[in-house]
Protein backbone atom coordinates (compact mmCIF):
# COMPACT_ATOMS: atom_id res chain seq x y z
CA PHE A 1 -14.86 71.74 76.11
CA MET A 2 -17.04 70.75 73.14
CA LYS A 3 -17.54 73.84 71.00
CA SER A 4 -19.88 73.85 68.06
CA GLY A 5 -18.07 73.79 64.75
CA LYS A 6 -15.36 71.49 66.11
CA VAL A 7 -14.70 68.14 64.49
CA ALA A 8 -14.97 65.09 66.76
CA VAL A 9 -14.52 61.37 66.19
CA ILE A 10 -17.34 59.12 67.31
CA LEU A 11 -16.16 56.27 69.49
CA ASN A 12 -19.21 54.09 70.13
CA GLY A 13 -22.11 52.59 68.26
CA ARG A 14 -22.99 52.32 64.62
CA TYR A 15 -20.92 55.34 63.58
CA ALA A 16 -17.80 54.45 65.57
CA GLY A 17 -14.67 55.78 63.86
CA LYS A 18 -16.59 58.32 61.81
CA LYS A 19 -15.98 62.05 61.90
CA ALA A 20 -18.68 64.51 62.82
CA VAL A 21 -19.12 68.23 63.36
CA ILE A 22 -20.53 69.30 66.71
CA GLY A 23 -23.73 71.31 66.35
CA THR A 24 -25.80 72.77 69.13
CA LYS A 25 -26.59 71.79 72.69
CA GLU A 26 -29.61 72.90 74.64
CA ARG A 27 -30.31 70.44 77.41
CA GLY A 28 -28.74 70.20 80.85
CA TYR A 29 -26.57 67.12 80.45
CA GLY A 30 -23.41 66.57 78.42
CA TYR A 31 -24.44 65.74 74.92
CA ALA A 32 -24.04 67.22 71.47
CA ILE A 33 -26.06 67.18 68.30
CA VAL A 34 -23.66 66.11 65.58
CA ALA A 35 -23.71 65.97 61.80
CA GLY A 36 -21.22 63.48 60.41
CA ILE A 37 -20.21 61.44 57.41
CA GLU A 38 -21.53 57.90 57.13
CA ARG A 39 -19.99 57.28 53.70
CA TYR A 40 -16.90 59.22 52.66
CA PRO A 41 -16.20 60.41 49.10
CA LEU A 42 -13.98 58.08 47.05
CA LYS A 43 -10.53 58.75 45.65
CA ILE A 44 -10.31 60.79 42.47
CA THR A 45 -7.49 60.71 39.94
CA LYS A 46 -6.84 63.17 37.15
CA ASN A 47 -7.74 60.84 34.30
CA MET A 48 -11.33 60.40 35.47
CA GLY A 49 -14.15 62.04 33.57
CA LYS A 50 -16.53 64.66 34.96
CA LYS A 51 -19.37 62.20 35.44
CA ARG A 52 -17.23 59.74 37.34
CA VAL A 53 -15.75 62.46 39.52
CA ALA A 54 -19.24 63.73 40.36
CA LYS A 55 -20.36 60.23 41.32
CA ARG A 56 -17.32 59.64 43.52
CA SER A 57 -17.68 63.00 45.25
CA LYS A 58 -20.95 62.05 46.89
CA VAL A 59 -21.20 62.12 50.69
CA LYS A 60 -23.72 60.25 52.83
CA PRO A 61 -24.33 62.18 56.06
CA PHE A 62 -25.93 61.31 59.39
CA ILE A 63 -27.31 63.39 62.23
CA LYS A 64 -27.40 62.18 65.79
CA VAL A 65 -27.60 63.20 69.44
CA ILE A 66 -24.49 61.79 71.12
CA ASN A 67 -23.25 61.75 74.70
CA TYR A 68 -19.89 63.47 75.29
CA ASN A 69 -18.50 60.19 76.61
CA HIS A 70 -18.75 58.75 73.12
CA LEU A 71 -17.01 61.65 71.39
CA MET A 72 -13.33 62.38 71.02
CA PRO A 73 -12.64 66.02 70.16
CA THR A 74 -9.94 66.83 67.61
CA ARG A 75 -7.92 69.96 66.94
CA TYR A 76 -9.78 70.48 63.68
CA GLY A 77 -12.72 72.76 63.09
CA LEU A 78 -15.31 73.03 60.36
CA GLU A 79 -17.18 76.31 60.48
CA LEU A 80 -20.49 76.15 58.69
CA GLU A 81 -22.97 78.82 59.72
CA SER A 82 -25.80 77.19 57.79
CA LEU A 83 -25.17 73.89 59.59
CA LYS A 84 -26.53 75.29 62.86
CA SER A 85 -29.80 76.22 61.19
CA ALA A 86 -30.00 72.91 59.29
CA VAL A 87 -29.57 70.67 62.34
CA THR A 88 -31.48 71.64 65.46
CA VAL A 89 -33.28 69.82 68.26
CA ASP A 90 -36.43 70.08 66.15
CA SER A 91 -34.93 68.04 63.32
CA PHE A 92 -35.28 64.92 65.50
CA LYS A 93 -39.00 65.30 66.22
CA GLU A 94 -40.31 63.67 63.07
CA PRO A 95 -38.84 61.37 60.39
CA SER A 96 -39.67 63.84 57.62
CA GLN A 97 -37.88 66.68 59.42
CA ARG A 98 -34.91 64.39 59.96
CA LYS A 99 -34.85 63.58 56.25
CA ASP A 100 -34.91 67.26 55.32
CA ALA A 101 -32.10 68.02 57.78
CA LYS A 102 -30.01 65.21 56.31
CA LYS A 103 -30.59 66.53 52.78
CA ALA A 104 -29.48 70.01 53.85
CA VAL A 105 -26.37 68.60 55.55
CA LYS A 106 -25.54 66.51 52.47
CA LYS A 107 -25.69 69.61 50.28
CA LEU A 108 -23.47 71.59 52.68
CA PHE A 109 -20.90 68.80 53.02
CA GLU A 110 -20.70 68.20 49.27
CA GLU A 111 -20.27 71.91 48.55
CA ARG A 112 -17.51 72.12 51.15
CA TYR A 113 -15.83 68.99 49.79
CA ASN A 114 -15.93 70.23 46.20
CA SER A 115 -14.48 73.60 47.21
CA GLY A 116 -11.40 71.69 48.39
CA LYS A 117 -11.49 72.98 51.97
CA ASN A 118 -11.25 70.90 55.20
CA LYS A 119 -9.54 68.01 53.41
CA TRP A 120 -8.95 66.03 56.60
CA PHE A 121 -12.64 65.93 57.51
CA PHE A 122 -13.53 64.18 54.25
CA THR A 123 -10.95 61.41 54.51
CA LYS A 124 -11.66 58.08 56.11
CA LEU A 125 -9.95 57.42 59.42
CA ARG A 126 -7.32 54.74 59.04
CA PHE A 127 -7.03 52.43 62.03
């Protein structure tokens, strides 16, 4: 039902309405470790300079353990092999590990955004 690499929309809590990629799951109950976007990149037009484009292309990620009841799966996927290694159950053990995981996710997301792939994932949900 919830495969890793699939994009889901978070329905409850602080990140409600934000998109996230489902990572791994290792415990018995229905939950998923997700990496999502807290702050989406801003719109870019062709008359903007390099510096401004770089600044507007920044992504602020989050990582979280979320119950399936608070996730809505979508038909979209976002395959990132390195995401699975960046976000694991261990990344939640200590604040410093969490910080490192977030940094890794930020790098991955920004690279993916700049390559122009998975456009839908990097746009804010309008509702």
